[in-house]
Amino acid sequence: MKKSTKVFKVSDPSKNVYGFAVATAGIQTQNFLLNPVMLLNHNYDKMMGLWADLSIVGENMTAIPVFDEIDPEAINMSSKVEQDILKGASIGIIPLSVKDGVITKSDLLEISLTPVPANRSALVLYNTKGVALSIEEAKTYCLSIQDTKSDHKKPFKMNEKFKLALLALAVQTGLTIKLSADATDEDGVLEIEKVAKHIAGLNLSVQVLTATNEANKAAAAELLKTESETYVDGKIALKVITADKRADFIKLYIENTSMCKSILDAVTPVVLTAVPGAAAAAAKEVAGREEWTFEKWFKEDGLGLSAMEIADPEKFQTLFNAYTVSLKANGATA
């Protein structure tokens, strides 16, 4: 980086081409000093280097250019500066407050070298988004931040584009606003506040509805789960399916209730019919039968064996299993 020997006056309080003067004391430099870029003719694609020693002397703001020695164009500009061929510099600011034709408060965005000296033609105004404004746009923008409270002047009428934009916003939110032909920006601000409150209310309503919907979904899911368990457990009790299939059919019921019911309702459960007199016969079991085998029961008291299958299925199954094992041991099948 190469620091110039020249000190540039980059701003003074003379009236500029926009019709406003810039109060030097009101120029805020904090943000600029974090990145004191030096542009050429306010073109962000033409960065020549940085500014050093930014200071205010009386009503003038001064700074010293420091050139990028790697950039050929910057080297060329440095040569012109040192030869007093290029003498002009100007600031680019965002106006923050205007009173009586003076930009009383502003934020310094950048400082540029320019062939035109720092006079009424050199200043560039930006909006808060950093977009350079034309002369007409700058006048409208400065009027929009004009301080009219101290002198009690009647506020200027609302900009038509602003009024149309506000009306369009109101239409989108379903809110009706009223603006007369003589509406001012102050009236517009009040209506904007009304629209903002309406939007906030809509957002709250959406949040409440969303929360309610989520709660309803959760409750419905829990109800369906309970319903599925009751239905499937009923089918298990009727011996339509075995208990090891419970989880599978509960999942099927939740995902496709009609399909699950179609499958299980079509299955006829196995129902053991009591043999007449079987229960009475079972009650008459006499001492000594505790050691009877399945085959013994079958031969001696088939009716009692049938009653056992109903009244004491566990004992029946134990006897039957033992009978099956004996048959296999003898080379036969049950």
Foldseek 3Di string as FASTA:
>chain_A
DAWAPDKAFAFAQAAAPLQAGEAQVQEDCPVCVVPAWEAALPDPVGTFAGWADFDDDPRTTMTIDGGDPVDPVSVVVRVCVNVVNFHAKYWEWEQQEAEPRYSRHIYTDYMYGYSDHHHNHRYWYAHPVRHTDDSVRVNVNRLVRYDCVPVVDDRQADDPVLVVVLCVLCVVLVHDDDDDPRHHVVNVVVSVVVSVVSVVVVVVVVVVVVVVVVVVVVVVLVVQLVVLQVVLVVLCVLVLDPPVCSVVLSVVCSVPVVVSCVVSVVGDGDDQDQDVPQLVVLVPDDPPCVPPAPVRCVVPPVSPLSSCCVPPVPVSVVRVVVVQVVQVVVVHGD
